[in-house]
């Protein structure tokens, strides 16, 4: 296989599905970090488990 092979085109639906699936876990991690900085007693207690 040559390194100069063209990349096959990707449909717009597949592109946006991939973007959405990549952003969702990142947003959940950011939300968890923000909640830890807020020092909500419920969040601190549950994250220590």
N, C-alpha and C. Protein backbone atom coordinates (compact mmCIF):
# COMPACT_ATOMS: atom_id res chain seq x y z
N UNK A 1 0.85 -1.18 0.00
CA UNK A 1 0.00 0.00 0.00
C UNK A 1 0.89 1.24 0.00
N UNK A 2 0.59 2.13 -0.86
CA UNK A 2 1.36 3.35 -0.99
C UNK A 2 0.85 4.41 -0.02
N UNK A 3 1.73 5.28 0.40
CA UNK A 3 1.31 6.36 1.31
C UNK A 3 0.62 7.48 0.55
N UNK A 4 0.62 7.42 -0.77
CA UNK A 4 -0.01 8.46 -1.59
C UNK A 4 -1.43 8.08 -2.00
N UNK A 5 -2.01 7.05 -1.39
CA UNK A 5 -3.37 6.65 -1.73
C UNK A 5 -4.34 7.75 -1.31
N UNK A 6 -5.32 8.06 -2.16
CA UNK A 6 -6.29 9.09 -1.80
C UNK A 6 -7.21 8.60 -0.67
N UNK A 7 -7.64 9.53 0.16
CA UNK A 7 -8.56 9.22 1.25
C UNK A 7 -9.97 9.18 0.68
N UNK A 8 -10.72 8.11 0.94
CA UNK A 8 -12.08 8.05 0.39
C UNK A 8 -12.97 9.12 1.02
N UNK A 9 -13.90 9.67 0.27
CA UNK A 9 -14.78 10.70 0.81
C UNK A 9 -15.69 10.14 1.91
N UNK A 10 -16.01 10.99 2.86
CA UNK A 10 -16.88 10.61 3.98
C UNK A 10 -18.16 11.42 3.87
N UNK A 11 -19.29 10.78 4.10
CA UNK A 11 -20.56 11.50 4.01
C UNK A 11 -20.67 12.52 5.15
N UNK A 12 -21.47 13.54 4.92
CA UNK A 12 -21.65 14.57 5.95
C UNK A 12 -22.29 14.00 7.20
N UNK A 13 -23.20 13.05 7.03
CA UNK A 13 -23.85 12.44 8.19
C UNK A 13 -22.83 11.68 9.04
N UNK A 14 -21.95 10.94 8.40
CA UNK A 14 -20.93 10.20 9.14
C UNK A 14 -19.96 11.15 9.82
N UNK A 15 -19.62 12.23 9.15
CA UNK A 15 -18.71 13.23 9.73
C UNK A 15 -19.31 13.84 10.98
N UNK A 16 -20.56 14.27 10.93
CA UNK A 16 -21.19 14.91 12.08
C UNK A 16 -21.50 13.91 13.19
N UNK A 17 -21.79 12.67 12.84
CA UNK A 17 -21.98 11.64 13.85
C UNK A 17 -20.68 11.41 14.60
N UNK A 18 -19.58 11.35 13.90
CA UNK A 18 -18.28 11.18 14.54
C UNK A 18 -17.93 12.35 15.43
N UNK A 19 -18.23 13.55 14.98
CA UNK A 19 -17.96 14.74 15.81
C UNK A 19 -18.79 14.71 17.09
N UNK A 20 -20.07 14.37 16.95
CA UNK A 20 -20.95 14.35 18.12
C UNK A 20 -20.50 13.28 19.11
N UNK A 21 -20.12 12.11 18.61
CA UNK A 21 -19.67 11.04 19.49
C UNK A 21 -18.34 11.36 20.14
N UNK A 22 -17.56 12.23 19.55
CA UNK A 22 -16.29 12.64 20.15
C UNK A 22 -16.49 13.74 21.19
N UNK A 23 -17.45 14.60 20.98
CA UNK A 23 -17.67 15.74 21.88
C UNK A 23 -18.40 15.32 23.15
N UNK A 24 -19.31 14.37 23.06
CA UNK A 24 -20.10 13.99 24.24
C UNK A 24 -19.25 13.54 25.43
N UNK A 25 -18.30 12.62 25.27
CA UNK A 25 -17.47 12.24 26.43
C UNK A 25 -16.64 13.40 26.96
N UNK A 26 -16.18 14.27 26.06
CA UNK A 26 -15.41 15.43 26.50
C UNK A 26 -16.26 16.36 27.36
N UNK A 27 -17.49 16.58 26.94
CA UNK A 27 -18.38 17.44 27.72
C UNK A 27 -18.69 16.83 29.08
N UNK A 28 -18.83 15.51 29.13
CA UNK A 28 -19.10 14.86 30.42
C UNK A 28 -17.90 15.01 31.36
N UNK A 29 -16.69 14.89 30.83
CA UNK A 29 -15.50 15.08 31.66
C UNK A 29 -15.39 16.52 32.15
N UNK A 30 -15.68 17.48 31.30
CA UNK A 30 -15.65 18.89 31.71
C UNK A 30 -16.70 19.15 32.78
N UNK A 31 -17.90 18.59 32.61
CA UNK A 31 -18.95 18.78 33.59
C UNK A 31 -18.55 18.17 34.93
N UNK A 32 -17.92 17.01 34.93
CA UNK A 32 -17.47 16.38 36.17
C UNK A 32 -16.41 17.24 36.86
N UNK A 33 -15.51 17.80 36.08
CA UNK A 33 -14.48 18.67 36.65
C UNK A 33 -15.07 19.93 37.25
N UNK A 34 -16.02 20.54 36.57
CA UNK A 34 -16.66 21.75 37.09
C UNK A 34 -17.42 21.44 38.38
N UNK A 35 -18.09 20.31 38.42
CA UNK A 35 -18.83 19.95 39.62
C UNK A 35 -17.89 19.69 40.80
N UNK A 36 -16.70 19.15 40.53
CA UNK A 36 -15.74 18.93 41.61
C UNK A 36 -15.22 20.27 42.15
N UNK A 37 -15.00 21.25 41.25
CA UNK A 37 -14.52 22.55 41.70
C UNK A 37 -15.59 23.31 42.48
N UNK A 38 -16.85 23.02 42.23
CA UNK A 38 -17.93 23.69 42.94
C UNK A 38 -18.04 23.20 44.38
N UNK A 39 -17.45 22.05 44.68
CA UNK A 39 -17.43 21.46 46.02
C UNK A 39 -18.83 21.24 46.59
N UNK A 40 -19.73 20.77 45.73
CA UNK A 40 -21.06 20.39 46.18
C UNK A 40 -20.91 19.14 47.07
N UNK A 41 -21.43 19.14 48.29
CA UNK A 41 -21.22 18.00 49.20
C UNK A 41 -21.67 16.67 48.62
N UNK A 42 -22.74 16.64 47.88
CA UNK A 42 -23.22 15.39 47.30
C UNK A 42 -22.23 14.85 46.27
N UNK A 43 -21.69 15.73 45.44
CA UNK A 43 -20.75 15.32 44.40
C UNK A 43 -19.45 14.84 45.03
N UNK A 44 -18.96 15.56 46.04
CA UNK A 44 -17.72 15.18 46.70
C UNK A 44 -17.88 13.82 47.38
N UNK A 45 -19.02 13.60 48.05
CA UNK A 45 -19.26 12.34 48.74
C UNK A 45 -19.32 11.19 47.74
N UNK A 46 -20.05 11.38 46.62
CA UNK A 46 -20.22 10.31 45.64
C UNK A 46 -18.94 10.04 44.85
N UNK A 47 -18.13 11.05 44.64
CA UNK A 47 -16.89 10.83 43.87
C UNK A 47 -15.83 10.15 44.73
N UNK A 48 -15.97 10.17 46.04
CA UNK A 48 -15.01 9.52 46.93
C UNK A 48 -15.24 8.02 47.00
N UNK A 49 -16.37 7.54 46.53
CA UNK A 49 -16.68 6.11 46.58
C UNK A 49 -15.78 5.30 45.70
